[in-house]
Amino acid sequence: MMKKIMLRVMPIVLVALMIVSNCVCAKTAEEIVNMGNNGGIGNVNNLVGKIWGTVLTILQVCAVAAIVFAGVKYMFASPDGKADIKSGMLGLVIGAIMVFAASTLVKFIVDTAESAV
């Protein structure tokens, strides 16, 4: 039963991940010409921002998928198994809140640091 669910859920998660992924490696001709104008610091910041965005997107998709998976598992569980799943879902929900709050927290810190300079 669990294998059937995974075989149906994983392709959807992978397609969603490919659609949502915001890591683009292509550059315009103007970006290539202007690459050396700022000493490379802007390029490093841009690269780190893209990596952070991609990692965060992957974590958010995984958090939602884990909660959905646990919910489906809860629906099909016996009454004895539901208590174990409930205790596990508490950790999933706390983790999902942390993942979704991380983007807001990092943006707040970066904005505060930029305005202080």
Protein backbone atom coordinates (compact mmCIF):
# COMPACT_ATOMS: atom_id res chain seq x y z
CA MET A 1 0.00 0.00 0.00
CA MET A 2 2.74 2.43 0.99
CA LYS A 3 4.70 1.62 -2.18
CA LYS A 4 1.68 2.46 -4.35
CA ILE A 5 1.27 5.82 -2.62
CA MET A 6 4.97 6.63 -3.02
CA LEU A 7 4.87 5.69 -6.71
CA ARG A 8 2.00 8.14 -7.20
CA VAL A 9 3.28 10.96 -5.00
CA MET A 10 6.97 11.06 -5.97
CA PRO A 11 6.45 11.88 -9.69
CA ILE A 12 4.13 14.73 -8.72
CA VAL A 13 6.69 16.05 -6.24
CA LEU A 14 9.49 15.82 -8.81
CA VAL A 15 7.46 17.63 -11.48
CA ALA A 16 6.50 20.33 -8.98
CA LEU A 17 10.14 20.68 -8.00
CA MET A 18 11.19 21.12 -11.62
CA ILE A 19 8.49 23.71 -12.21
CA VAL A 20 9.15 25.69 -9.03
CA SER A 21 12.94 25.57 -9.25
CA ASN A 22 14.29 29.06 -9.88
CA CYS A 23 17.92 28.24 -10.60
CA VAL A 24 18.65 29.44 -14.12
CA CYS A 25 22.19 29.23 -15.43
CA ALA A 26 21.74 31.22 -18.65
CA LYS A 27 23.13 34.74 -18.88
CA THR A 28 22.36 37.52 -21.32
CA ALA A 29 25.10 39.13 -23.38
CA GLU A 30 24.87 42.29 -21.26
CA GLU A 31 25.38 40.32 -18.04
CA ILE A 32 28.46 38.62 -19.51
CA VAL A 33 29.95 41.97 -20.54
CA ASN A 34 29.26 43.54 -17.12
CA MET A 35 30.53 40.56 -15.10
CA GLY A 36 33.88 42.13 -14.28
CA ASN A 37 32.64 45.65 -13.50
CA ASN A 38 31.87 45.14 -9.81
CA GLY A 39 34.86 43.06 -8.79
CA GLY A 40 32.88 39.82 -8.66
CA ILE A 41 31.15 40.56 -5.33
CA GLY A 42 27.77 41.06 -6.94
CA ASN A 43 28.13 37.80 -8.84
CA VAL A 44 28.95 35.91 -5.63
CA ASN A 45 25.96 37.45 -3.85
CA ASN A 46 23.74 36.61 -6.81
CA LEU A 47 25.02 33.02 -6.89
CA VAL A 48 24.53 32.56 -3.15
CA GLY A 49 21.03 34.03 -3.45
CA LYS A 50 20.14 31.58 -6.22
CA ILE A 51 21.53 28.64 -4.29
CA TRP A 52 19.67 29.70 -1.13
CA GLY A 53 16.45 30.14 -3.10
CA THR A 54 16.77 26.73 -4.69
CA VAL A 55 17.57 24.98 -1.40
CA LEU A 56 14.71 26.76 0.33
CA THR A 57 12.28 25.83 -2.44
CA ILE A 58 13.35 22.18 -2.23
CA LEU A 59 12.91 22.20 1.55
CA GLN A 60 9.47 23.80 1.28
CA VAL A 61 8.29 21.25 -1.29
CA CYS A 62 9.66 18.41 0.86
CA ALA A 63 7.96 19.80 3.98
CA VAL A 64 4.58 20.01 2.27
CA ALA A 65 5.04 16.57 0.70
CA ALA A 66 5.97 15.06 4.09
CA ILE A 67 2.87 16.52 5.73
CA VAL A 68 0.64 15.30 2.89
CA PHE A 69 2.28 11.87 3.04
CA ALA A 70 1.77 11.69 6.81
CA GLY A 71 -1.86 12.76 6.37
CA VAL A 72 -2.50 10.00 3.84
CA LYS A 73 -0.74 7.54 6.12
CA TYR A 74 -2.96 8.75 8.99
CA MET A 75 -6.12 8.23 6.96
CA PHE A 76 -5.29 4.60 6.26
CA ALA A 77 -3.83 3.74 9.68
CA SER A 78 -5.49 1.60 12.30
CA PRO A 79 -6.70 3.31 15.49
CA ASP A 80 -3.61 2.10 17.35
CA GLY A 81 -1.24 3.49 14.74
CA LYS A 82 -2.89 6.91 14.60
CA ALA A 83 -1.38 7.98 17.93
CA ASP A 84 2.15 7.32 16.63
CA ILE A 85 1.46 9.23 13.44
CA LYS A 86 0.02 12.17 15.39
CA SER A 87 3.17 12.48 17.50
CA GLY A 88 5.30 12.36 14.35
CA MET A 89 3.18 14.99 12.64
CA LEU A 90 3.88 17.46 15.44
CA GLY A 91 7.55 17.39 14.47
CA LEU A 92 6.65 17.74 10.79
CA VAL A 93 4.49 20.78 11.41
CA ILE A 94 7.16 22.44 13.57
CA GLY A 95 9.76 21.71 10.89
CA ALA A 96 7.52 23.12 8.15
CA ILE A 97 6.95 26.29 10.15
CA MET A 98 10.70 26.66 10.58
CA VAL A 99 11.34 26.12 6.85
CA PHE A 100 8.71 28.65 5.78
CA ALA A 101 9.81 31.15 8.44
CA ALA A 102 13.47 30.84 7.40
CA SER A 103 12.93 32.82 4.20
CA THR A 104 11.23 35.64 6.07
CA LEU A 105 13.87 35.69 8.78
CA VAL A 106 16.79 35.74 6.33
CA LYS A 107 15.14 38.47 4.24
CA PHE A 108 14.60 40.55 7.40
CA ILE A 109 18.25 40.14 8.43
CA VAL A 110 19.55 41.01 4.94
CA ASP A 111 17.27 44.06 4.64
CA THR A 112 18.30 45.27 8.11
CA ALA A 113 21.99 44.82 7.32
CA GLU A 114 21.66 46.64 3.98
CA SER A 115 19.81 49.56 5.55
CA ALA A 116 22.43 49.84 8.33
CA VAL A 117 25.25 50.26 5.80
